[in-house]
Amino acid sequence: MIKNIVFLILIFAAVSGRAATYSFADCLEILKKNNAELISAEQNLQAVQSQMRALYGNYLPQISANLGYQKGETDSVDSEGYSATLNATQNIFNGFSDSARISEAEGKVKVAEANLRSVKAKLSYDLKSIFASVVYAQDSLKLSKNIQKRRSDNLNLVELRFQSGRENKGSVLLSKAYLKQAQLDVLKAENLYQTSRSSLIRVLGLAPDQEVEVQGRVPENTPPLATPAFASLAQQTPGFLQAQGLIQSADASLKNSRSEFLPSLDLSGSIGKTGEDFFPDRDRWSVGATLSWSLFSGGKDYFTQKSAVAQKLVAENNWKNSELELIAQLRQAFADFIESSEQVKVSDAFVEAGAVRAEIGRSKYNNGLSSFDDWDKIENDLISYQKDQTLKRRDRVVAEANWEKTQGVGVLQ
């Protein structure tokens, strides 16, 4: 109930045209309600599940009721009559075709379930990476404005020293160039912010003209200390389960094709009434059994079976290949996740050291104890460290999201 109320409030804000501020949890709830790809995968699973359940009806008798009227002439004698019957048929044996069709349908259900998991994992990755990109754009814009102010202050300091004869013209021109670069970086950061918000609107399924702001960050998990068992993980991924479902469907299709070479046995019965008047009053009943066996179908059954054998071999080889690919992908995704986590720590350390060095360098340059070139290098190092820090934080979120997606898990599971 609370989630529905929150969702309605968010939608109302979207419809009213005002900029709405969403946390990551808010975005997750909106995606669940709006995303067309997720809804399509869910409906596809429901469809194949219903198709599988429908096949169980073949094990039950088929019952029908008929009400008839006949009028005719035989040897110039008119005849007229009514009939009311209740008919039932029951298949006893059809070459195991029914069980094969159900097994095939179960395989399709497994494929649809794996596909839904895969879609959820992909959308989890999309949401995390795009939300992180918006946060990165916000941080970049804030940092770019701070750098612009820092470059402006540096230019003022260099000009003062130039006017007092303690600095050369080249240093002033270089400082002006740095300021122009900082102004351009602010423009780029503003454009990046707008485009990243458009990507977030797309994945959330909101109106294209909706104004969106974000707050907070993507929740992060601590990397595992031990190296996972990649072979076991691979067998739990949607890709692996999908390949297994395809094998089951192919195997069942082969069994179904073989059932055409076996006989079919059906029982039937009916009870009812007949007579010249309505409602008829003469009782009638009948029972019977039918054994049928197709002796020749023009080669159709033979080639259908041959095709099913080939399709099963295709499914089995695809399954073997997919397992090897999945293990390699898991290893790479895990390595990227671990490395990106460590990269953030390294980047934070460089920023901390760069900030202290910049403070010392500014003081020394201002007091004439350091040259412009030495101070300039320290300033550029700090700015480079700060830009790298925002980038590494975003990359860390993306790497974790990719590790989850490769496993087939995420915030939507």
Protein backbone atom coordinates (compact mmCIF):
# COMPACT_ATOMS: atom_id res chain seq x y z
CA MET A 1 0.00 0.00 0.00
CA ILE A 2 2.78 2.46 0.97
CA LYS A 3 4.67 1.71 -2.25
CA ASN A 4 1.53 2.38 -4.30
CA ILE A 5 0.99 5.72 -2.54
CA VAL A 6 4.61 6.74 -3.17
CA PHE A 7 4.29 5.69 -6.79
CA LEU A 8 1.10 7.76 -7.27
CA ILE A 9 2.79 10.79 -5.74
CA LEU A 10 5.75 10.41 -8.10
CA ILE A 11 3.48 10.03 -11.12
CA PHE A 12 1.45 13.08 -10.09
CA ALA A 13 4.65 15.10 -9.92
CA ALA A 14 5.59 13.85 -13.38
CA VAL A 15 2.21 14.75 -14.87
CA SER A 16 2.17 18.21 -13.29
CA GLY A 17 5.36 19.12 -15.20
CA ARG A 18 7.38 20.03 -12.10
CA ALA A 19 10.87 18.66 -11.67
CA ALA A 20 10.68 15.54 -9.51
CA THR A 21 13.55 14.42 -7.31
CA TYR A 22 14.01 10.66 -7.15
CA SER A 23 16.20 8.48 -5.01
CA PHE A 24 17.50 5.18 -6.34
CA ALA A 25 14.70 3.34 -4.50
CA ASP A 26 12.12 5.65 -6.12
CA CYS A 27 13.56 4.95 -9.56
CA LEU A 28 13.41 1.21 -8.90
CA GLU A 29 9.69 1.34 -8.08
CA ILE A 30 8.93 3.44 -11.16
CA LEU A 31 10.87 1.05 -13.38
CA LYS A 32 8.85 -1.92 -12.04
CA LYS A 33 5.62 -0.16 -12.98
CA ASN A 34 6.58 1.43 -16.29
CA ASN A 35 9.31 -0.47 -18.10
CA ALA A 36 7.86 -2.07 -21.24
CA GLU A 37 10.66 -4.63 -21.60
CA LEU A 38 10.02 -5.97 -18.09
CA ILE A 39 6.25 -6.11 -18.58
CA SER A 40 6.71 -7.94 -21.90
CA ALA A 41 8.96 -10.59 -20.32
CA GLU A 42 6.49 -11.12 -17.46
CA GLN A 43 3.55 -11.50 -19.85
CA ASN A 44 5.52 -13.91 -22.03
CA LEU A 45 6.14 -16.15 -19.01
CA GLN A 46 2.45 -16.11 -18.12
CA ALA A 47 1.57 -17.03 -21.72
CA VAL A 48 3.81 -20.10 -21.91
CA GLN A 49 2.71 -21.22 -18.43
CA SER A 50 -0.92 -21.10 -19.57
CA GLN A 51 -0.05 -23.03 -22.72
CA MET A 52 1.60 -25.74 -20.61
CA ARG A 53 -1.42 -26.02 -18.29
CA ALA A 54 -3.74 -26.30 -21.28
CA LEU A 55 -1.90 -29.43 -22.45
CA TYR A 56 -2.88 -31.32 -19.28
CA GLY A 57 -6.44 -31.27 -20.60
CA ASN A 58 -5.46 -34.02 -23.06
CA TYR A 59 -5.35 -36.47 -20.13
CA LEU A 60 -9.01 -35.80 -19.28
CA PRO A 61 -12.12 -36.97 -21.17
CA GLN A 62 -13.65 -34.66 -23.73
CA ILE A 63 -17.39 -34.26 -23.12
CA SER A 64 -19.91 -32.56 -25.39
CA ALA A 65 -23.72 -32.23 -25.54
CA ASN A 66 -25.69 -32.23 -28.81
CA LEU A 67 -29.28 -31.34 -29.60
CA GLY A 68 -30.39 -32.25 -33.14
CA TYR A 69 -33.33 -32.09 -35.49
CA GLN A 70 -33.59 -34.14 -38.69
CA LYS A 71 -36.16 -34.12 -41.45
CA GLY A 72 -35.96 -36.13 -44.64
CA GLU A 73 -37.67 -38.45 -47.12
CA THR A 74 -37.01 -42.11 -47.88
CA ASP A 75 -38.97 -43.92 -50.63
CA SER A 76 -41.54 -41.12 -50.65
CA VAL A 77 -42.00 -41.47 -46.92
CA ASP A 78 -41.38 -38.36 -44.87
CA SER A 79 -39.42 -38.70 -41.65
CA GLU A 80 -38.83 -36.26 -38.86
CA GLY A 81 -37.06 -36.64 -35.56
CA TYR A 82 -35.19 -35.12 -32.65
CA SER A 83 -32.16 -36.22 -30.76
CA ALA A 84 -30.42 -35.21 -27.55
CA THR A 85 -27.11 -36.86 -26.72
CA LEU A 86 -24.22 -36.56 -24.31
CA ASN A 87 -20.90 -37.72 -25.83
CA ALA A 88 -17.58 -38.53 -24.19
CA THR A 89 -14.22 -39.54 -25.65
CA GLN A 90 -11.08 -40.55 -23.82
CA ASN A 91 -7.67 -41.16 -25.33
CA ILE A 92 -5.98 -44.18 -23.76
CA PHE A 93 -2.73 -44.19 -25.67
CA ASN A 94 -1.28 -41.96 -28.38
CA GLY A 95 2.34 -43.02 -28.52
CA PHE A 96 3.33 -40.88 -25.47
CA SER A 97 2.62 -37.75 -27.50
CA ASP A 98 0.83 -35.97 -24.64
CA SER A 99 3.65 -36.45 -22.14
CA ALA A 100 6.18 -35.31 -24.76
CA ARG A 101 4.20 -32.15 -25.50
CA ILE A 102 3.97 -31.33 -21.80
CA SER A 103 7.71 -31.87 -21.39
CA GLU A 104 8.33 -29.63 -24.36
CA ALA A 105 6.09 -26.97 -22.84
CA GLU A 106 7.92 -27.28 -19.51
CA GLY A 107 11.17 -26.62 -21.36
CA LYS A 108 9.65 -23.49 -22.88
CA VAL A 109 8.56 -22.35 -19.43
CA LYS A 110 12.15 -22.75 -18.19
CA VAL A 111 13.36 -20.69 -21.14
CA ALA A 112 10.79 -17.98 -20.40
CA GLU A 113 11.72 -17.96 -16.69
CA ALA A 114 15.40 -17.65 -17.56
CA ASN A 115 14.59 -14.91 -20.04
CA LEU A 116 12.68 -12.98 -17.37
CA ARG A 117 15.64 -13.30 -15.01
CA SER A 118 17.95 -12.11 -17.76
CA VAL A 119 15.73 -9.09 -18.50
CA LYS A 120 15.57 -8.21 -14.80
CA ALA A 121 19.35 -8.47 -14.49
CA LYS A 122 19.83 -6.31 -17.58
CA LEU A 123 17.40 -3.65 -16.35
CA SER A 124 19.08 -3.71 -12.93
CA TYR A 125 22.38 -3.04 -14.69
CA ASP A 126 20.81 -0.30 -16.82
CA LEU A 127 19.25 1.43 -13.82
CA LYS A 128 22.39 1.26 -11.69
CA SER A 129 24.75 2.37 -14.44
CA ILE A 130 22.49 5.19 -15.67
CA PHE A 131 21.72 6.44 -12.16
CA ALA A 132 25.46 6.37 -11.43
CA SER A 133 26.03 8.32 -14.66
CA VAL A 134 23.59 11.02 -13.52
CA VAL A 135 25.35 11.22 -10.15
CA TYR A 136 28.70 11.32 -11.95
CA ALA A 137 27.39 14.17 -14.14
CA GLN A 138 26.24 16.05 -11.05
CA ASP A 139 29.59 15.56 -9.35
CA SER A 140 31.44 16.52 -12.51
CA LEU A 141 29.40 19.70 -12.86
CA LYS A 142 30.05 20.66 -9.24
CA LEU A 143 33.74 19.81 -9.58
CA SER A 144 34.05 21.72 -12.88
CA LYS A 145 32.59 24.83 -11.28
CA ASN A 146 35.00 24.49 -8.36
CA ILE A 147 37.90 24.06 -10.78
CA GLN A 148 36.73 27.10 -12.74
CA LYS A 149 36.78 29.16 -9.54
CA ARG A 150 40.19 27.75 -8.63
CA ARG A 151 41.57 28.61 -12.05
CA SER A 152 40.14 32.10 -11.76
CA ASP A 153 41.75 32.59 -8.35
CA ASN A 154 45.03 31.24 -9.69
CA LEU A 155 44.89 33.66 -12.62
CA ASN A 156 44.36 36.57 -10.24
CA LEU A 157 47.34 35.45 -8.18
CA VAL A 158 49.58 35.11 -11.23
CA GLU A 159 48.52 38.52 -12.59
CA LEU A 160 49.32 40.17 -9.28
CA ARG A 161 52.79 38.67 -9.31
CA PHE A 162 53.20 39.65 -12.98
CA GLN A 163 52.26 43.24 -12.20
CA SER A 164 54.83 43.30 -9.41
CA GLY A 165 57.48 41.99 -11.80
CA ARG A 166 57.83 38.60 -10.16
CA GLU A 167 56.20 36.53 -12.94
CA ASN A 168 56.47 36.40 -16.73
CA LYS A 169 53.84 36.96 -19.41
CA GLY A 170 53.82 33.29 -20.44
CA SER A 171 52.59 32.22 -17.02
CA VAL A 172 49.72 34.72 -17.26
CA LEU A 173 48.70 33.49 -20.72
CA LEU A 174 48.87 29.86 -19.61
CA SER A 175 46.69 30.66 -16.58
CA LYS A 176 44.15 32.34 -18.88
CA ALA A 177 44.16 29.25 -21.09
CA TYR A 178 43.53 27.07 -18.04
CA LEU A 179 40.54 29.25 -17.13
CA LYS A 180 39.10 28.95 -20.65
CA GLN A 181 39.53 25.19 -20.46
CA ALA A 182 37.74 25.17 -17.10
CA GLN A 183 34.85 27.16 -18.58
CA LEU A 184 34.61 24.65 -21.43
CA ASP A 185 34.62 21.79 -18.92
CA VAL A 186 31.66 23.37 -17.14
CA LEU A 187 29.76 23.52 -20.43
CA LYS A 188 30.59 19.87 -21.15
CA ALA A 189 29.51 18.84 -17.66
CA GLU A 190 26.17 20.64 -18.08
CA ASN A 191 25.56 18.86 -21.40
CA LEU A 192 26.53 15.52 -19.88
CA TYR A 193 24.08 16.13 -17.05
CA GLN A 194 21.23 16.74 -19.49
CA THR A 195 21.96 13.69 -21.66
CA SER A 196 22.38 11.37 -18.66
CA ARG A 197 19.02 12.51 -17.27
CA SER A 198 17.43 11.73 -20.65
CA SER A 199 18.81 8.19 -20.45
CA LEU A 200 17.33 7.82 -16.96
CA ILE A 201 13.93 9.00 -18.20
CA ARG A 202 14.08 6.40 -20.97
CA VAL A 203 14.80 3.44 -18.70
CA LEU A 204 12.13 4.57 -16.23
CA GLY A 205 9.53 4.83 -18.98
CA LEU A 206 8.60 8.43 -18.13
CA ALA A 207 7.45 11.15 -20.49
CA PRO A 208 10.33 12.51 -22.64
CA ASP A 209 9.76 16.08 -21.44
CA GLN A 210 9.73 15.15 -17.76
CA GLU A 211 12.14 17.11 -15.59
CA VAL A 212 14.03 14.71 -13.32
CA GLU A 213 16.50 15.27 -10.50
CA VAL A 214 18.22 12.56 -8.47
CA GLN A 215 19.40 12.42 -4.89
CA GLY A 216 21.64 9.99 -3.06
CA ARG A 217 23.74 7.29 -4.67
CA VAL A 218 23.45 3.72 -5.85
CA PRO A 219 23.71 1.24 -2.94
CA GLU A 220 27.05 -0.58 -3.06
CA ASN A 221 27.99 -4.03 -1.80
CA THR A 222 31.36 -5.05 -0.42
CA PRO A 223 33.25 -7.33 -2.82
CA PRO A 224 33.55 -10.95 -1.63
CA LEU A 225 36.84 -11.83 0.03
CA ALA A 226 37.06 -15.30 -1.51
CA THR A 227 37.11 -16.07 -5.22
CA PRO A 228 33.75 -17.56 -6.22
CA ALA A 229 33.35 -21.02 -7.75
CA PHE A 230 32.75 -19.80 -11.29
CA ALA A 231 31.67 -23.20 -12.64
CA SER A 232 28.90 -23.43 -10.02
CA LEU A 233 27.87 -19.83 -10.60
CA ALA A 234 27.66 -20.43 -14.33
CA GLN A 235 25.12 -23.22 -13.80
CA GLN A 236 22.83 -20.78 -11.97
CA THR A 237 22.88 -18.06 -14.61
CA PRO A 238 19.88 -17.39 -16.89
CA GLY A 239 21.95 -18.24 -19.97
CA PHE A 240 22.76 -21.70 -18.64
CA LEU A 241 19.18 -22.39 -17.51
CA GLN A 242 17.86 -21.15 -20.83
CA ALA A 243 20.15 -23.57 -22.68
CA GLN A 244 18.90 -26.41 -20.46
CA GLY A 245 15.30 -25.50 -21.21
CA LEU A 246 16.03 -25.57 -24.93
CA ILE A 247 17.56 -29.04 -24.59
CA GLN A 248 14.48 -30.30 -22.75
CA SER A 249 12.18 -28.86 -25.41
CA ALA A 250 14.28 -30.36 -28.21
CA ASP A 251 14.35 -33.77 -26.53
CA ALA A 252 10.59 -33.70 -25.98
CA SER A 253 10.03 -32.64 -29.59
CA LEU A 254 12.04 -35.68 -30.69
CA LYS A 255 9.92 -37.99 -28.53
CA ASN A 256 6.78 -36.41 -29.93
CA SER A 257 7.94 -37.02 -33.49
CA ARG A 258 8.53 -40.71 -32.67
CA SER A 259 4.98 -41.04 -31.33
CA GLU A 260 3.71 -40.75 -34.92
CA PHE A 261 5.07 -44.24 -35.58
CA LEU A 262 2.95 -45.78 -32.79
CA PRO A 263 -0.79 -46.59 -32.73
CA SER A 264 -3.45 -44.53 -30.99
CA LEU A 265 -6.31 -45.94 -28.90
CA ASP A 266 -9.48 -43.98 -28.06
CA LEU A 267 -12.62 -44.91 -26.15
CA SER A 268 -15.95 -43.23 -26.84
CA GLY A 269 -19.44 -43.39 -25.48
CA SER A 270 -22.74 -41.55 -25.71
CA ILE A 271 -26.15 -41.56 -24.05
CA GLY A 272 -29.24 -39.74 -25.16
CA LYS A 273 -32.81 -39.79 -26.40
CA THR A 274 -34.44 -39.83 -29.84
CA GLY A 275 -38.00 -39.48 -31.06
CA GLU A 276 -40.42 -37.77 -33.40
CA ASP A 277 -41.52 -35.23 -30.80
CA PHE A 278 -39.61 -32.74 -28.73
CA PHE A 279 -38.37 -33.54 -26.14
CA PRO A 280 -37.55 -37.08 -27.48
CA ASP A 281 -38.42 -39.96 -25.14
CA ARG A 282 -36.69 -43.04 -26.56
CA ASP A 283 -33.41 -43.89 -24.82
CA ARG A 284 -30.28 -44.69 -26.78
CA TRP A 285 -26.67 -45.35 -25.85
CA SER A 286 -23.46 -46.50 -27.44
CA VAL A 287 -19.86 -47.33 -26.51
CA GLY A 288 -16.90 -48.01 -28.71
CA ALA A 289 -13.16 -48.18 -29.08
CA THR A 290 -10.98 -47.04 -31.97
CA LEU A 291 -7.44 -48.20 -32.65
CA SER A 292 -5.71 -46.27 -35.40
CA TRP A 293 -2.22 -46.61 -36.84
CA SER A 294 -0.72 -44.45 -39.54
CA LEU A 295 1.04 -46.77 -42.00
CA PHE A 296 2.34 -44.21 -44.48
CA SER A 297 2.41 -40.41 -44.38
CA GLY A 298 4.42 -39.65 -47.49
CA GLY A 299 7.69 -39.47 -45.54
CA LYS A 300 6.50 -36.60 -43.35
CA ASP A 301 6.97 -38.46 -40.07
CA TYR A 302 10.45 -39.67 -41.03
CA PHE A 303 11.76 -36.23 -41.95
CA THR A 304 10.08 -34.64 -38.93
CA GLN A 305 11.97 -37.05 -36.68
CA LYS A 306 15.22 -36.40 -38.55
CA SER A 307 14.78 -32.66 -38.07
CA ALA A 308 14.07 -33.15 -34.35
CA VAL A 309 17.30 -35.17 -33.95
CA ALA A 310 19.30 -32.35 -35.55
CA GLN A 311 17.61 -29.71 -33.38
CA LYS A 312 18.47 -31.65 -30.24
CA LEU A 313 22.13 -31.85 -31.27
CA VAL A 314 22.13 -28.10 -31.91
CA ALA A 315 20.67 -27.41 -28.45
CA GLU A 316 23.19 -29.70 -26.72
CA ASN A 317 26.19 -28.12 -28.45
CA ASN A 318 24.92 -24.61 -27.76
CA TRP A 319 24.59 -25.57 -24.10
CA LYS A 320 28.18 -26.83 -23.93
CA ASN A 321 29.49 -23.68 -25.61
CA SER A 322 27.39 -21.36 -23.44
CA GLU A 323 28.78 -22.88 -20.23
CA LEU A 324 32.36 -22.17 -21.28
CA GLU A 325 31.48 -18.63 -22.34
CA LEU A 326 29.64 -17.95 -19.09
CA ILE A 327 32.59 -19.05 -16.96
CA ALA A 328 34.91 -16.73 -18.89
CA GLN A 329 32.45 -13.84 -18.58
CA LEU A 330 32.05 -14.39 -14.84
CA ARG A 331 35.81 -14.42 -14.30
CA GLN A 332 36.23 -11.16 -16.22
CA ALA A 333 33.28 -9.42 -14.55
CA PHE A 334 34.49 -10.43 -11.09
CA ALA A 335 38.03 -9.23 -11.83
CA ASP A 336 36.69 -5.88 -13.07
CA PHE A 337 34.57 -5.51 -9.91
CA ILE A 338 37.49 -6.20 -7.57
CA GLU A 339 39.86 -3.93 -9.50
CA SER A 340 37.35 -1.07 -9.68
CA SER A 341 36.80 -1.25 -5.91
CA GLU A 342 40.53 -0.96 -5.30
CA GLN A 343 40.82 1.81 -7.88
CA VAL A 344 38.42 3.94 -5.82
CA LYS A 345 40.62 3.54 -2.74
CA VAL A 346 43.72 4.47 -4.74
CA SER A 347 41.99 7.47 -6.27
CA ASP A 348 40.80 8.69 -2.86
CA ALA A 349 44.38 8.45 -1.58
CA PHE A 350 45.72 10.51 -4.50
CA VAL A 351 43.07 13.21 -3.97
CA GLU A 352 43.89 13.44 -0.29
CA ALA A 353 47.62 13.73 -1.00
CA GLY A 354 47.05 16.14 -3.90
CA ALA A 355 44.91 18.46 -1.78
CA VAL A 356 47.62 18.73 0.90
CA ARG A 357 50.35 19.28 -1.71
CA ALA A 358 48.24 21.94 -3.45
CA GLU A 359 47.71 23.84 -0.22
CA ILE A 360 51.43 23.77 0.52
CA GLY A 361 52.34 24.61 -3.08
CA ARG A 362 50.02 27.63 -3.18
CA SER A 363 51.51 28.97 0.04
CA LYS A 364 55.07 28.49 -1.21
CA TYR A 365 54.32 30.11 -4.59
CA ASN A 366 52.54 33.02 -2.93
CA ASN A 367 55.59 33.61 -0.75
CA GLY A 368 58.00 33.32 -3.64
CA LEU A 369 59.46 30.04 -2.44
CA SER A 370 58.36 28.03 -5.47
CA SER A 371 58.44 28.60 -9.23
CA PHE A 372 55.30 28.83 -11.37
CA ASP A 373 56.18 25.60 -13.16
CA ASP A 374 56.45 23.65 -9.90
CA TRP A 375 53.21 25.11 -8.55
CA ASP A 376 51.45 24.61 -11.88
CA LYS A 377 52.33 20.92 -11.88
CA ILE A 378 50.95 20.46 -8.36
CA GLU A 379 47.71 22.26 -9.30
CA ASN A 380 47.25 20.17 -12.45
CA ASP A 381 47.91 16.98 -10.52
CA LEU A 382 45.18 17.80 -7.99
CA ILE A 383 42.64 18.62 -10.69
CA SER A 384 43.51 15.44 -12.54
CA TYR A 385 43.15 13.40 -9.32
CA GLN A 386 39.75 14.97 -8.58
CA LYS A 387 38.42 14.25 -12.07
CA ASP A 388 39.70 10.70 -11.88
CA GLN A 389 38.04 10.21 -8.50
CA THR A 390 34.54 11.00 -9.79
CA LEU A 391 35.12 8.74 -12.78
CA LYS A 392 36.41 5.84 -10.68
CA ARG A 393 33.40 6.06 -8.36
CA ARG A 394 31.05 5.76 -11.33
CA ASP A 395 33.09 2.92 -12.83
CA ARG A 396 32.93 1.05 -9.54
CA VAL A 397 29.11 1.09 -9.59
CA VAL A 398 29.04 0.01 -13.23
CA ALA A 399 31.49 -2.84 -12.57
CA GLU A 400 29.41 -4.14 -9.67
CA ALA A 401 26.23 -3.87 -11.75
CA ASN A 402 27.91 -5.81 -14.56
CA TRP A 403 29.06 -8.51 -12.10
CA GLU A 404 25.45 -8.89 -10.96
CA LYS A 405 24.11 -8.91 -14.51
CA THR A 406 26.57 -11.63 -15.54
CA GLN A 407 25.28 -13.77 -12.66
CA GLY A 408 21.68 -13.00 -13.61
CA VAL A 409 20.88 -11.18 -10.36
CA GLY A 410 20.30 -7.58 -9.35
CA VAL A 411 17.93 -5.23 -7.55
CA LEU A 412 14.92 -6.58 -9.49
CA GLN A 413 15.34 -10.23 -8.47
